[in-house]
Amino acid sequence: MKDIDDTRAPLLEHLVELRKRLLVSLLWLGLAFGICLYFARPIFAFLVQPLLRAGQNRVIYTDVFEAFFVDVKVAFFAALMLAFPVLATQVWKFVAPGLYRKEKEALLPFLVMTPVLFGTGAALAYYVAMPIALHFLLGYQGNVGGVQQEALPGVGNYLNFVTKFMFGFGVAFLTPVLLMLLERAGIVTRAQLMSGRRYAIVIAFIIAAVLTPPDIISQLLLAVPLVLLYELALIAIWFTERKRQKEALPAETEKA
């Protein structure tokens, strides 16, 4: 019990603390949104680079307000990325006082790993998967039965495509964190995860089929890393199990 903060705050103090953390989070998110809204055009110019590399140099909007709302969505998407460290810190400050020291030491690495893995997945989507997918999808342009078929992507549709791709890859790359947390909480064991490896492979390809275009290369670019991350999680869980066993031995020796 000494590991937990000495004072047990009543419900009202918890609510006050929660309100404080929410206000700080909203303040930083609003500040990040304002900055990103000012730079919305350059940010969208960055997001549109895979489309340019695929040979498409034109996007359109058919609704009068579409271009404006695209700037707003771009700013919000970028603000979430920019403010994530602050948001995660506020969550940690609210949760940490109620945790034991060992629980804090166990949870903190997962908090650090989350943005790294998410950023890795989003980068893979932007620099590798999206150009391949766009080359495939834009390959349908040309003469079809005497009719010229041309791609004219709308700014709103393209932004939805980009955010879905990057967010999907980013969340998918959090698989090791999720599996390790589930194992740490006692919901699953390493033996269960190992026995369910074949199902995990099938699920990885299903997720890839849902989040990527129908070309096999894009699907493999997501499915293969998912399978590798699953195996990485098993290895990490094995190390954490050994560490817990070593820590438990002195305690058992003292009891004996």
C-alpha atoms as a PDB file:
ATOM      1  CA  MET A   1       0.000   0.000   0.000  1.00  0.00           C
ATOM      2  CA  LYS A   2       2.981   2.337   0.428  1.00  0.00           C
ATOM      3  CA  ASP A   3       3.450   2.448  -3.332  1.00  0.00           C
ATOM      4  CA  ILE A   4       0.135   4.204  -3.808  1.00  0.00           C
ATOM      5  CA  ASP A   5      -0.187   7.877  -2.965  1.00  0.00           C
ATOM      6  CA  ASP A   6      -0.902   8.257   0.755  1.00  0.00           C
ATOM      7  CA  THR A   7      -4.127  10.214   0.353  1.00  0.00           C
ATOM      8  CA  ARG A   8      -7.257   8.652  -1.004  1.00  0.00           C
ATOM      9  CA  ALA A   9      -9.066  11.514  -2.672  1.00  0.00           C
ATOM     10  CA  PRO A  10     -12.869  11.504  -2.442  1.00  0.00           C
ATOM     11  CA  LEU A  11     -15.011  11.378  -5.550  1.00  0.00           C
ATOM     12  CA  LEU A  12     -15.360  15.171  -5.769  1.00  0.00           C
ATOM     13  CA  GLU A  13     -11.582  15.635  -5.814  1.00  0.00           C
ATOM     14  CA  HIS A  14     -11.294  12.995  -8.530  1.00  0.00           C
ATOM     15  CA  LEU A  15     -13.870  14.863 -10.614  1.00  0.00           C
ATOM     16  CA  VAL A  16     -12.043  18.172 -10.059  1.00  0.00           C
ATOM     17  CA  GLU A  17      -8.783  16.531 -11.114  1.00  0.00           C
ATOM     18  CA  LEU A  18     -10.474  15.003 -14.173  1.00  0.00           C
ATOM     19  CA  ARG A  19     -11.901  18.395 -15.160  1.00  0.00           C
ATOM     20  CA  LYS A  20      -8.457  19.948 -14.806  1.00  0.00           C
ATOM     21  CA  ARG A  21      -6.840  17.315 -17.038  1.00  0.00           C
ATOM     22  CA  LEU A  22      -9.632  17.644 -19.626  1.00  0.00           C
ATOM     23  CA  LEU A  23      -9.312  21.431 -19.698  1.00  0.00           C
ATOM     24  CA  VAL A  24      -5.542  21.257 -20.144  1.00  0.00           C
ATOM     25  CA  SER A  25      -5.964  18.668 -22.915  1.00  0.00           C
ATOM     26  CA  LEU A  26      -8.625  20.725 -24.704  1.00  0.00           C
ATOM     27  CA  LEU A  27      -6.515  23.884 -24.357  1.00  0.00           C
ATOM     28  CA  TRP A  28      -3.470  22.249 -25.955  1.00  0.00           C
ATOM     29  CA  LEU A  29      -5.613  20.565 -28.603  1.00  0.00           C
ATOM     30  CA  GLY A  30      -7.252  23.905 -29.420  1.00  0.00           C
ATOM     31  CA  LEU A  31      -3.846  25.623 -29.611  1.00  0.00           C
ATOM     32  CA  ALA A  32      -2.493  22.879 -31.876  1.00  0.00           C
ATOM     33  CA  PHE A  33      -5.645  23.105 -34.019  1.00  0.00           C
ATOM     34  CA  GLY A  34      -5.222  26.856 -34.460  1.00  0.00           C
ATOM     35  CA  ILE A  35      -1.592  26.449 -35.513  1.00  0.00           C
ATOM     36  CA  CYS A  36      -2.392  23.572 -37.865  1.00  0.00           C
ATOM     37  CA  LEU A  37      -5.341  25.443 -39.382  1.00  0.00           C
ATOM     38  CA  TYR A  38      -2.972  28.283 -40.280  1.00  0.00           C
ATOM     39  CA  PHE A  39      -0.668  25.767 -41.968  1.00  0.00           C
ATOM     40  CA  ALA A  40      -3.486  23.577 -43.352  1.00  0.00           C
ATOM     41  CA  ARG A  41      -2.526  24.167 -46.994  1.00  0.00           C
ATOM     42  CA  PRO A  42       1.163  23.208 -46.534  1.00  0.00           C
ATOM     43  CA  ILE A  43       0.079  20.141 -44.518  1.00  0.00           C
ATOM     44  CA  PHE A  44      -2.315  19.080 -47.264  1.00  0.00           C
ATOM     45  CA  ALA A  45       0.442  19.719 -49.812  1.00  0.00           C
ATOM     46  CA  PHE A  46       2.547  17.219 -47.850  1.00  0.00           C
ATOM     47  CA  LEU A  47      -0.279  14.682 -47.739  1.00  0.00           C
ATOM     48  CA  VAL A  48      -0.864  14.981 -51.474  1.00  0.00           C
ATOM     49  CA  GLN A  49       2.721  14.084 -52.410  1.00  0.00           C
ATOM     50  CA  PRO A  50       1.996  10.337 -52.878  1.00  0.00           C
ATOM     51  CA  LEU A  51      -0.709  11.317 -55.376  1.00  0.00           C
ATOM     52  CA  LEU A  52       1.753  13.506 -57.258  1.00  0.00           C
ATOM     53  CA  ARG A  53       4.349  10.719 -57.320  1.00  0.00           C
ATOM     54  CA  ALA A  54       1.675   8.435 -58.761  1.00  0.00           C
ATOM     55  CA  GLY A  55       1.321  10.814 -61.718  1.00  0.00           C
ATOM     56  CA  GLN A  56      -1.872  12.625 -60.692  1.00  0.00           C
ATOM     57  CA  ASN A  57      -1.411  16.392 -60.406  1.00  0.00           C
ATOM     58  CA  ARG A  58      -5.014  17.490 -60.149  1.00  0.00           C
ATOM     59  CA  VAL A  59      -7.707  17.291 -57.473  1.00  0.00           C
ATOM     60  CA  ILE A  60     -11.146  18.867 -57.593  1.00  0.00           C
ATOM     61  CA  TYR A  61     -13.954  19.885 -55.289  1.00  0.00           C
ATOM     62  CA  THR A  62     -17.586  19.953 -56.372  1.00  0.00           C
ATOM     63  CA  ASP A  63     -19.122  21.402 -53.220  1.00  0.00           C
ATOM     64  CA  VAL A  64     -18.621  25.095 -52.452  1.00  0.00           C
ATOM     65  CA  PHE A  65     -17.672  24.362 -48.826  1.00  0.00           C
ATOM     66  CA  GLU A  66     -15.670  21.188 -49.512  1.00  0.00           C
ATOM     67  CA  ALA A  67     -12.244  22.815 -49.749  1.00  0.00           C
ATOM     68  CA  PHE A  68     -12.843  24.750 -46.506  1.00  0.00           C
ATOM     69  CA  PHE A  69     -13.933  21.645 -44.600  1.00  0.00           C
ATOM     70  CA  VAL A  70     -10.915  19.785 -45.951  1.00  0.00           C
ATOM     71  CA  ASP A  71      -8.678  22.445 -44.370  1.00  0.00           C
ATOM     72  CA  VAL A  72     -10.546  21.994 -41.081  1.00  0.00           C
ATOM     73  CA  LYS A  73     -10.213  18.188 -41.214  1.00  0.00           C
ATOM     74  CA  VAL A  74      -6.528  18.437 -42.097  1.00  0.00           C
ATOM     75  CA  ALA A  75      -5.961  20.806 -39.179  1.00  0.00           C
ATOM     76  CA  PHE A  76      -7.810  18.534 -36.748  1.00  0.00           C
ATOM     77  CA  PHE A  77      -5.983  15.415 -37.951  1.00  0.00           C
ATOM     78  CA  ALA A  78      -2.615  17.161 -37.629  1.00  0.00           C
ATOM     79  CA  ALA A  79      -3.552  18.702 -34.259  1.00  0.00           C
ATOM     80  CA  LEU A  80      -4.299  15.257 -32.815  1.00  0.00           C
ATOM     81  CA  MET A  81      -0.845  14.084 -33.889  1.00  0.00           C
ATOM     82  CA  LEU A  82       0.844  17.222 -32.581  1.00  0.00           C
ATOM     83  CA  ALA A  83      -0.972  17.282 -29.236  1.00  0.00           C
ATOM     84  CA  PHE A  84      -0.800  13.522 -28.580  1.00  0.00           C
ATOM     85  CA  PRO A  85       2.229  13.732 -26.214  1.00  0.00           C
ATOM     86  CA  VAL A  86       0.390  16.301 -24.078  1.00  0.00           C
ATOM     87  CA  LEU A  87      -2.870  14.294 -24.147  1.00  0.00           C
ATOM     88  CA  ALA A  88      -1.046  11.105 -23.168  1.00  0.00           C
ATOM     89  CA  THR A  89       0.776  12.950 -20.376  1.00  0.00           C
ATOM     90  CA  GLN A  90      -2.508  14.262 -18.954  1.00  0.00           C
ATOM     91  CA  VAL A  91      -3.995  10.759 -18.986  1.00  0.00           C
ATOM     92  CA  TRP A  92      -0.886   9.468 -17.232  1.00  0.00           C
ATOM     93  CA  LYS A  93      -1.011  12.205 -14.562  1.00  0.00           C
ATOM     94  CA  PHE A  94      -4.650  11.371 -13.836  1.00  0.00           C
ATOM     95  CA  VAL A  95      -4.152   7.590 -13.674  1.00  0.00           C
ATOM     96  CA  ALA A  96      -0.667   7.328 -12.128  1.00  0.00           C
ATOM     97  CA  PRO A  97      -1.540   8.336  -8.506  1.00  0.00           C
ATOM     98  CA  GLY A  98      -3.818   5.298  -8.240  1.00  0.00           C
ATOM     99  CA  LEU A  99      -1.181   2.813  -9.376  1.00  0.00           C
ATOM    100  CA  TYR A 100       1.409   0.844  -7.464  1.00  0.00           C
ATOM    101  CA  ARG A 101       5.063   1.543  -8.224  1.00  0.00           C
ATOM    102  CA  LYS A 102       5.438  -1.730 -10.143  1.00  0.00           C
ATOM    103  CA  GLU A 103       2.282  -0.956 -12.135  1.00  0.00           C
ATOM    104  CA  LYS A 104       3.707   2.449 -13.040  1.00  0.00           C
ATOM    105  CA  GLU A 105       6.979   0.872 -14.141  1.00  0.00           C
ATOM    106  CA  ALA A 106       5.051  -1.675 -16.229  1.00  0.00           C
ATOM    107  CA  LEU A 107       2.690   0.820 -17.873  1.00  0.00           C
ATOM    108  CA  LEU A 108       5.141   3.623 -18.657  1.00  0.00           C
ATOM    109  CA  PRO A 109       7.054   1.711 -21.401  1.00  0.00           C
ATOM    110  CA  PHE A 110       3.758   1.002 -23.179  1.00  0.00           C
ATOM    111  CA  LEU A 111       2.936   4.710 -23.074  1.00  0.00           C
ATOM    112  CA  VAL A 112       6.308   5.487 -24.664  1.00  0.00           C
ATOM    113  CA  MET A 113       6.022   2.719 -27.277  1.00  0.00           C
ATOM    114  CA  THR A 114       2.564   3.800 -28.480  1.00  0.00           C
ATOM    115  CA  PRO A 115       3.551   6.974 -30.430  1.00  0.00           C
ATOM    116  CA  VAL A 116       6.699   5.281 -31.790  1.00  0.00           C
ATOM    117  CA  LEU A 117       4.804   2.282 -33.183  1.00  0.00           C
ATOM    118  CA  PHE A 118       1.914   4.431 -34.423  1.00  0.00           C
ATOM    119  CA  GLY A 119       4.336   6.780 -36.197  1.00  0.00           C
ATOM    120  CA  THR A 120       6.172   3.830 -37.753  1.00  0.00           C
ATOM    121  CA  GLY A 121       2.924   2.429 -39.128  1.00  0.00           C
ATOM    122  CA  ALA A 122       1.775   5.808 -40.446  1.00  0.00           C
ATOM    123  CA  ALA A 123       5.184   6.395 -42.091  1.00  0.00           C
ATOM    124  CA  LEU A 124       5.054   2.972 -43.760  1.00  0.00           C
ATOM    125  CA  ALA A 125       1.601   3.811 -45.090  1.00  0.00           C
ATOM    126  CA  TYR A 126       2.657   7.233 -46.393  1.00  0.00           C
ATOM    127  CA  TYR A 127       6.035   6.415 -47.935  1.00  0.00           C
ATOM    128  CA  VAL A 128       5.487   2.838 -49.153  1.00  0.00           C
ATOM    129  CA  ALA A 129       1.924   1.521 -49.167  1.00  0.00           C
ATOM    130  CA  MET A 130       0.065   4.587 -50.436  1.00  0.00           C
ATOM    131  CA  PRO A 131       2.221   5.189 -53.555  1.00  0.00           C
ATOM    132  CA  ILE A 132       1.851   1.528 -54.541  1.00  0.00           C
ATOM    133  CA  ALA A 133      -1.902   1.593 -53.926  1.00  0.00           C
ATOM    134  CA  LEU A 134      -2.327   4.847 -55.878  1.00  0.00           C
ATOM    135  CA  HIS A 135      -0.329   3.519 -58.814  1.00  0.00           C
ATOM    136  CA  PHE A 136      -2.665   0.523 -58.898  1.00  0.00           C
ATOM    137  CA  LEU A 137      -5.887   2.528 -58.533  1.00  0.00           C
ATOM    138  CA  LEU A 138      -4.903   5.213 -61.067  1.00  0.00           C
ATOM    139  CA  GLY A 139      -3.933   2.510 -63.539  1.00  0.00           C
ATOM    140  CA  TYR A 140      -7.578   2.273 -64.580  1.00  0.00           C
ATOM    141  CA  GLN A 141      -7.283   5.536 -66.509  1.00  0.00           C
ATOM    142  CA  GLY A 142      -7.184   5.419 -70.284  1.00  0.00           C
ATOM    143  CA  ASN A 143      -9.310   4.437 -73.220  1.00  0.00           C
ATOM    144  CA  VAL A 144     -12.071   1.981 -72.311  1.00  0.00           C
ATOM    145  CA  GLY A 145     -14.200   0.884 -75.268  1.00  0.00           C
ATOM    146  CA  GLY A 146     -13.593   4.139 -77.090  1.00  0.00           C
ATOM    147  CA  VAL A 147     -14.352   6.253 -74.021  1.00  0.00           C
ATOM    148  CA  GLN A 148     -11.575   8.152 -72.246  1.00  0.00           C
ATOM    149  CA  GLN A 149     -11.561   7.271 -68.569  1.00  0.00           C
ATOM    150  CA  GLU A 150      -9.868   9.872 -66.355  1.00  0.00           C
ATOM    151  CA  ALA A 151      -9.386  10.044 -62.592  1.00  0.00           C
ATOM    152  CA  LEU A 152     -10.419  13.326 -60.980  1.00  0.00           C
ATOM    153  CA  PRO A 153     -10.043  12.766 -57.235  1.00  0.00           C
ATOM    154  CA  GLY A 154     -12.046  15.050 -54.970  1.00  0.00           C
ATOM    155  CA  VAL A 155     -10.103  16.735 -52.174  1.00  0.00           C
ATOM    156  CA  GLY A 156     -12.490  15.360 -49.563  1.00  0.00           C
ATOM    157  CA  ASN A 157     -12.339  11.811 -50.884  1.00  0.00           C
ATOM    158  CA  TYR A 158      -8.562  11.891 -51.132  1.00  0.00           C
ATOM    159  CA  LEU A 159      -8.218  13.202 -47.567  1.00  0.00           C
ATOM    160  CA  ASN A 160     -10.471  10.388 -46.312  1.00  0.00           C
ATOM    161  CA  PHE A 161      -8.288   7.914 -48.227  1.00  0.00           C
ATOM    162  CA  VAL A 162      -5.068   9.306 -46.720  1.00  0.00           C
ATOM    163  CA  THR A 163      -6.308   9.501 -43.125  1.00  0.00           C
ATOM    164  CA  LYS A 164      -7.876   6.031 -43.291  1.00  0.00           C
ATOM    165  CA  PHE A 165      -4.659   4.587 -44.691  1.00  0.00           C
ATOM    166  CA  MET A 166      -2.311   6.270 -42.192  1.00  0.00           C
ATOM    167  CA  PHE A 167      -4.573   5.822 -39.176  1.00  0.00           C
ATOM    168  CA  GLY A 168      -5.264   2.192 -40.077  1.00  0.00           C
ATOM    169  CA  PHE A 169      -1.575   1.351 -40.423  1.00  0.00           C
ATOM    170  CA  GLY A 170      -0.739   3.285 -37.256  1.00  0.00           C
ATOM    171  CA  VAL A 171      -3.361   1.501 -35.139  1.00  0.00           C
ATOM    172  CA  ALA A 172      -2.427  -1.880 -36.645  1.00  0.00           C
ATOM    173  CA  PHE A 173       1.181  -1.346 -35.552  1.00  0.00           C
ATOM    174  CA  LEU A 174       0.011  -1.049 -31.932  1.00  0.00           C
ATOM    175  CA  THR A 175      -0.593  -4.822 -31.892  1.00  0.00           C
ATOM    176  CA  PRO A 176       2.435  -5.581 -29.635  1.00  0.00           C
ATOM    177  CA  VAL A 177       1.328  -2.986 -27.077  1.00  0.00           C
ATOM    178  CA  LEU A 178      -2.226  -4.382 -27.011  1.00  0.00           C
ATOM    179  CA  LEU A 179      -1.089  -8.005 -26.682  1.00  0.00           C
ATOM    180  CA  MET A 180       1.425  -7.200 -23.944  1.00  0.00           C
ATOM    181  CA  LEU A 181      -1.167  -5.234 -21.981  1.00  0.00           C
ATOM    182  CA  LEU A 182      -3.663  -8.096 -22.290  1.00  0.00           C
ATOM    183  CA  GLU A 183      -1.023 -10.538 -21.054  1.00  0.00           C
ATOM    184  CA  ARG A 184      -0.006  -8.206 -18.246  1.00  0.00           C
ATOM    185  CA  ALA A 185      -3.646  -7.926 -17.152  1.00  0.00           C
ATOM    186  CA  GLY A 186      -3.976 -11.720 -17.089  1.00  0.00           C
ATOM    187  CA  ILE A 187      -6.605 -11.813 -19.840  1.00  0.00           C
ATOM    188  CA  VAL A 188      -4.438 -13.977 -22.115  1.00  0.00           C
ATOM    189  CA  THR A 189      -1.258 -15.981 -21.655  1.00  0.00           C
ATOM    190  CA  ARG A 190       1.746 -16.464 -23.893  1.00  0.00           C
ATOM    191  CA  ALA A 191       0.772 -20.108 -24.384  1.00  0.00           C
ATOM    192  CA  GLN A 192      -2.682 -19.052 -25.620  1.00  0.00           C
ATOM    193  CA  LEU A 193      -1.173 -16.510 -28.001  1.00  0.00           C
ATOM    194  CA  MET A 194       1.230 -19.113 -29.362  1.00  0.00           C
ATOM    195  CA  SER A 195      -1.536 -21.654 -29.892  1.00  0.00           C
ATOM    196  CA  GLY A 196      -3.622 -19.007 -31.678  1.00  0.00           C
ATOM    197  CA  ARG A 197      -0.824 -18.015 -34.055  1.00  0.00           C
ATOM    198  CA  ARG A 198      -2.555 -19.471 -37.136  1.00  0.00           C
ATOM    199  CA  TYR A 199      -5.734 -17.526 -36.363  1.00  0.00           C
ATOM    200  CA  ALA A 200      -3.685 -14.374 -35.852  1.00  0.00           C
ATOM    201  CA  ILE A 201      -2.188 -14.764 -39.338  1.00  0.00           C
ATOM    202  CA  VAL A 202      -5.665 -15.111 -40.861  1.00  0.00           C
ATOM    203  CA  ILE A 203      -6.907 -12.068 -38.917  1.00  0.00           C
ATOM    204  CA  ALA A 204      -3.858 -10.057 -40.065  1.00  0.00           C
ATOM    205  CA  PHE A 205      -4.721 -10.710 -43.713  1.00  0.00           C
ATOM    206  CA  ILE A 206      -8.397  -9.904 -43.100  1.00  0.00           C
ATOM    207  CA  ILE A 207      -7.423  -6.564 -41.508  1.00  0.00           C
ATOM    208  CA  ALA A 208      -5.091  -5.859 -44.443  1.00  0.00           C
ATOM    209  CA  ALA A 209      -7.870  -6.662 -46.923  1.00  0.00           C
ATOM    210  CA  VAL A 210     -10.243  -4.248 -45.161  1.00  0.00           C
ATOM    211  CA  LEU A 211      -7.801  -1.349 -44.715  1.00  0.00           C
ATOM    212  CA  THR A 212      -6.001  -1.480 -48.067  1.00  0.00           C
ATOM    213  CA  PRO A 213      -7.013  -1.468 -51.747  1.00  0.00           C
ATOM    214  CA  PRO A 214      -7.616  -4.828 -53.439  1.00  0.00           C
ATOM    215  CA  ASP A 215      -4.096  -5.172 -54.872  1.00  0.00           C
ATOM    216  CA  ILE A 216      -2.075  -7.954 -53.264  1.00  0.00           C
ATOM    217  CA  ILE A 217       1.067  -5.843 -52.766  1.00  0.00           C
ATOM    218  CA  SER A 218      -0.672  -3.269 -50.554  1.00  0.00           C
ATOM    219  CA  GLN A 219      -2.274  -6.045 -48.529  1.00  0.00           C
ATOM    220  CA  LEU A 220       1.066  -7.791 -48.025  1.00  0.00           C
ATOM    221  CA  LEU A 221       2.668  -4.500 -46.943  1.00  0.00           C
ATOM    222  CA  LEU A 222       0.274  -4.426 -43.989  1.00  0.00           C
ATOM    223  CA  ALA A 223      -0.301  -8.133 -43.333  1.00  0.00           C
ATOM    224  CA  VAL A 224       3.376  -9.156 -43.185  1.00  0.00           C
ATOM    225  CA  PRO A 225       4.375  -6.457 -40.634  1.00  0.00           C
ATOM    226  CA  LEU A 226       1.316  -7.392 -38.555  1.00  0.00           C
ATOM    227  CA  VAL A 227       2.442 -11.020 -38.416  1.00  0.00           C
ATOM    228  CA  LEU A 228       6.001  -9.954 -37.556  1.00  0.00           C
ATOM    229  CA  LEU A 229       4.721  -7.630 -34.831  1.00  0.00           C
ATOM    230  CA  TYR A 230       2.668 -10.500 -33.401  1.00  0.00           C
ATOM    231  CA  GLU A 231       5.837 -12.601 -33.186  1.00  0.00           C
ATOM    232  CA  LEU A 232       7.694  -9.631 -31.677  1.00  0.00           C
ATOM    233  CA  ALA A 233       5.013  -9.363 -28.994  1.00  0.00           C
ATOM    234  CA  LEU A 234       5.447 -13.061 -28.149  1.00  0.00           C
ATOM    235  CA  ILE A 235       9.201 -12.559 -27.742  1.00  0.00           C
ATOM    236  CA  ALA A 236       8.680  -9.461 -25.583  1.00  0.00           C
ATOM    237  CA  ILE A 237       6.147 -11.319 -23.407  1.00  0.00           C
ATOM    238  CA  TRP A 238       8.660 -14.157 -22.972  1.00  0.00           C
ATOM    239  CA  PHE A 239      11.257 -11.688 -21.674  1.00  0.00           C
ATOM    240  CA  THR A 240       8.771 -10.047 -19.300  1.00  0.00           C
ATOM    241  CA  GLU A 241       7.697 -13.469 -17.989  1.00  0.00           C
ATOM    242  CA  ARG A 242      11.323 -14.376 -17.245  1.00  0.00           C
ATOM    243  CA  LYS A 243      11.833 -11.044 -15.494  1.00  0.00           C
ATOM    244  CA  ARG A 244       8.756 -11.582 -13.317  1.00  0.00           C
ATOM    245  CA  GLN A 245       9.890 -15.096 -12.460  1.00  0.00           C
ATOM    246  CA  LYS A 246      13.333 -13.818 -11.387  1.00  0.00           C
ATOM    247  CA  GLU A 247      11.725 -11.115  -9.247  1.00  0.00           C
ATOM    248  CA  ALA A 248       9.428 -13.686  -7.653  1.00  0.00           C
ATOM    249  CA  LEU A 249      12.268 -16.050  -6.642  1.00  0.00           C
ATOM    250  CA  PRO A 250      13.760 -13.819  -3.877  1.00  0.00           C
ATOM    251  CA  ALA A 251      10.274 -13.245  -2.435  1.00  0.00           C
ATOM    252  CA  GLU A 252       9.590 -16.995  -2.316  1.00  0.00           C
ATOM    253  CA  THR A 253      13.024 -17.582  -0.747  1.00  0.00           C
ATOM    254  CA  GLU A 254      12.308 -15.044   1.999  1.00  0.00           C
ATOM    255  CA  LYS A 255       8.951 -16.671   2.783  1.00  0.00           C
ATOM    256  CA  ALA A 256      10.620 -20.100   3.005  1.00  0.00           C
END
